[in-house]
Amino acid sequence: MASIEPEKEFHNSGADSDHDDSYAIYQTGRDFEANPAEAKRALRKIDYRIIPILFTAYMLDKNSLNLASVYGLQQGTHLVGQDYSWLGKTP
């Protein structure tokens, strides 16, 4: 049977022992400045990927709330008046 070696301690290459290697990489990139066109393209790419995910999650949430009401959510939880409408409010 093979023995399992204990996890090796992760050492960083920086002077501060409270941070790992990824913090050192972060520090080297702090002085990087992207030109406005690159920043705009990156933001647009993020928007094209994040917004559809948020929209889908929002619609699934609304649909599940509607389906729950059909199956007796209001009666089972004794919601009265505006209580049901407060369930679908976004912060």
C-alpha atoms as a PDB file:
ATOM      1  CA  MET A   1       0.000   0.000   0.000  1.00  0.00           C
ATOM      2  CA  ALA A   2       1.371   3.431  -0.933  1.00  0.00           C
ATOM      3  CA  SER A   3       1.759   5.980   1.792  1.00  0.00           C
ATOM      4  CA  ILE A   4       0.180   9.359   1.417  1.00  0.00           C
ATOM      5  CA  GLU A   5       2.606  12.227   1.801  1.00  0.00           C
ATOM      6  CA  PRO A   6       1.496  15.098   3.981  1.00  0.00           C
ATOM      7  CA  GLU A   7       0.602  18.264   2.165  1.00  0.00           C
ATOM      8  CA  LYS A   8       3.648  20.349   1.421  1.00  0.00           C
ATOM      9  CA  GLU A   9       3.625  23.812   2.878  1.00  0.00           C
ATOM     10  CA  PHE A  10       3.036  26.484   0.285  1.00  0.00           C
ATOM     11  CA  HIS A  11       5.815  29.071   0.330  1.00  0.00           C
ATOM     12  CA  ASN A  12       5.692  32.396  -1.356  1.00  0.00           C
ATOM     13  CA  SER A  13       8.501  34.092  -3.156  1.00  0.00           C
ATOM     14  CA  GLY A  14       7.739  37.538  -1.703  1.00  0.00           C
ATOM     15  CA  ALA A  15       9.071  39.117   1.438  1.00  0.00           C
ATOM     16  CA  ASP A  16       5.736  39.083   3.273  1.00  0.00           C
ATOM     17  CA  SER A  17       4.981  35.652   4.704  1.00  0.00           C
ATOM     18  CA  ASP A  18       1.270  36.437   5.181  1.00  0.00           C
ATOM     19  CA  HIS A  19       0.581  36.283   1.431  1.00  0.00           C
ATOM     20  CA  ASP A  20       0.946  33.591  -1.219  1.00  0.00           C
ATOM     21  CA  ASP A  21       2.362  33.623  -4.754  1.00  0.00           C
ATOM     22  CA  SER A  22      -0.839  34.945  -6.284  1.00  0.00           C
ATOM     23  CA  TYR A  23      -0.504  38.083  -4.170  1.00  0.00           C
ATOM     24  CA  ALA A  24       3.004  38.597  -5.558  1.00  0.00           C
ATOM     25  CA  ILE A  25       1.609  38.283  -9.091  1.00  0.00           C
ATOM     26  CA  TYR A  26      -1.111  40.748  -8.172  1.00  0.00           C
ATOM     27  CA  GLN A  27       1.501  43.202  -6.935  1.00  0.00           C
ATOM     28  CA  THR A  28       3.454  43.020 -10.209  1.00  0.00           C
ATOM     29  CA  GLY A  29       0.310  43.885 -12.180  1.00  0.00           C
ATOM     30  CA  ARG A  30      -0.728  46.874 -10.084  1.00  0.00           C
ATOM     31  CA  ASP A  31       1.275  49.265 -12.260  1.00  0.00           C
ATOM     32  CA  PHE A  32      -0.308  47.964 -15.471  1.00  0.00           C
ATOM     33  CA  GLU A  33      -2.530  50.466 -17.220  1.00  0.00           C
ATOM     34  CA  ALA A  34      -4.740  49.349 -20.085  1.00  0.00           C
ATOM     35  CA  ASN A  35      -5.649  51.775 -22.774  1.00  0.00           C
ATOM     36  CA  PRO A  36      -9.323  52.842 -22.833  1.00  0.00           C
ATOM     37  CA  ALA A  37     -10.143  50.788 -25.930  1.00  0.00           C
ATOM     38  CA  GLU A  38      -8.866  47.573 -24.317  1.00  0.00           C
ATOM     39  CA  ALA A  39     -10.727  48.331 -21.094  1.00  0.00           C
ATOM     40  CA  LYS A  40     -13.940  48.969 -23.014  1.00  0.00           C
ATOM     41  CA  ARG A  41     -13.592  45.703 -24.962  1.00  0.00           C
ATOM     42  CA  ALA A  42     -12.952  43.754 -21.761  1.00  0.00           C
ATOM     43  CA  LEU A  43     -15.946  45.323 -20.048  1.00  0.00           C
ATOM     44  CA  ARG A  44     -18.141  44.602 -23.060  1.00  0.00           C
ATOM     45  CA  LYS A  45     -17.019  40.953 -23.074  1.00  0.00           C
ATOM     46  CA  ILE A  46     -17.821  40.642 -19.373  1.00  0.00           C
ATOM     47  CA  ASP A  47     -21.226  42.254 -19.937  1.00  0.00           C
ATOM     48  CA  TYR A  48     -22.057  39.867 -22.770  1.00  0.00           C
ATOM     49  CA  ARG A  49     -21.354  36.908 -20.504  1.00  0.00           C
ATOM     50  CA  ILE A  50     -22.699  38.084 -17.144  1.00  0.00           C
ATOM     51  CA  ILE A  51     -25.945  39.832 -18.137  1.00  0.00           C
ATOM     52  CA  PRO A  52     -27.521  36.745 -19.793  1.00  0.00           C
ATOM     53  CA  ILE A  53     -26.684  34.665 -16.715  1.00  0.00           C
ATOM     54  CA  LEU A  54     -28.268  37.244 -14.404  1.00  0.00           C
ATOM     55  CA  PHE A  55     -31.334  37.529 -16.637  1.00  0.00           C
ATOM     56  CA  THR A  56     -31.787  33.755 -16.724  1.00  0.00           C
ATOM     57  CA  ALA A  57     -31.433  33.469 -12.948  1.00  0.00           C
ATOM     58  CA  TYR A  58     -33.954  36.282 -12.466  1.00  0.00           C
ATOM     59  CA  MET A  59     -36.471  34.668 -14.802  1.00  0.00           C
ATOM     60  CA  LEU A  60     -36.055  31.250 -13.190  1.00  0.00           C
ATOM     61  CA  ASP A  61     -36.646  32.841  -9.805  1.00  0.00           C
ATOM     62  CA  LYS A  62     -39.819  34.566 -11.004  1.00  0.00           C
ATOM     63  CA  ASN A  63     -41.093  31.411 -12.705  1.00  0.00           C
ATOM     64  CA  SER A  64     -40.463  29.258  -9.652  1.00  0.00           C
ATOM     65  CA  LEU A  65     -42.322  31.792  -7.501  1.00  0.00           C
ATOM     66  CA  ASN A  66     -45.292  31.686  -9.892  1.00  0.00           C
ATOM     67  CA  LEU A  67     -45.265  27.901  -9.952  1.00  0.00           C
ATOM     68  CA  ALA A  68     -45.111  27.782  -6.151  1.00  0.00           C
ATOM     69  CA  SER A  69     -48.150  30.047  -5.922  1.00  0.00           C
ATOM     70  CA  VAL A  70     -50.103  27.701  -8.203  1.00  0.00           C
ATOM     71  CA  TYR A  71     -49.280  24.803  -5.900  1.00  0.00           C
ATOM     72  CA  GLY A  72     -50.489  26.614  -2.781  1.00  0.00           C
ATOM     73  CA  LEU A  73     -47.619  28.772  -1.535  1.00  0.00           C
ATOM     74  CA  GLN A  74     -49.947  31.561  -0.418  1.00  0.00           C
ATOM     75  CA  GLN A  75     -52.286  29.274   1.482  1.00  0.00           C
ATOM     76  CA  GLY A  76     -49.546  27.066   2.934  1.00  0.00           C
ATOM     77  CA  THR A  77     -47.562  30.004   4.293  1.00  0.00           C
ATOM     78  CA  HIS A  78     -50.626  32.109   5.194  1.00  0.00           C
ATOM     79  CA  LEU A  79     -49.592  35.063   3.033  1.00  0.00           C
ATOM     80  CA  VAL A  80     -52.131  37.878   3.032  1.00  0.00           C
ATOM     81  CA  GLY A  81     -52.431  41.152   1.145  1.00  0.00           C
ATOM     82  CA  GLN A  82     -49.122  42.392  -0.243  1.00  0.00           C
ATOM     83  CA  ASP A  83     -47.043  39.629   1.402  1.00  0.00           C
ATOM     84  CA  TYR A  84     -46.892  37.604  -1.808  1.00  0.00           C
ATOM     85  CA  SER A  85     -45.789  40.582  -3.893  1.00  0.00           C
ATOM     86  CA  TRP A  86     -42.928  41.256  -1.474  1.00  0.00           C
ATOM     87  CA  LEU A  87     -41.468  37.821  -2.257  1.00  0.00           C
ATOM     88  CA  GLY A  88     -40.582  38.888  -5.785  1.00  0.00           C
ATOM     89  CA  LYS A  89     -39.006  42.234  -4.933  1.00  0.00           C
ATOM     90  CA  THR A  90     -35.353  42.662  -5.745  1.00  0.00           C
ATOM     91  CA  PRO A  91     -33.124  44.607  -3.382  1.00  0.00           C
END
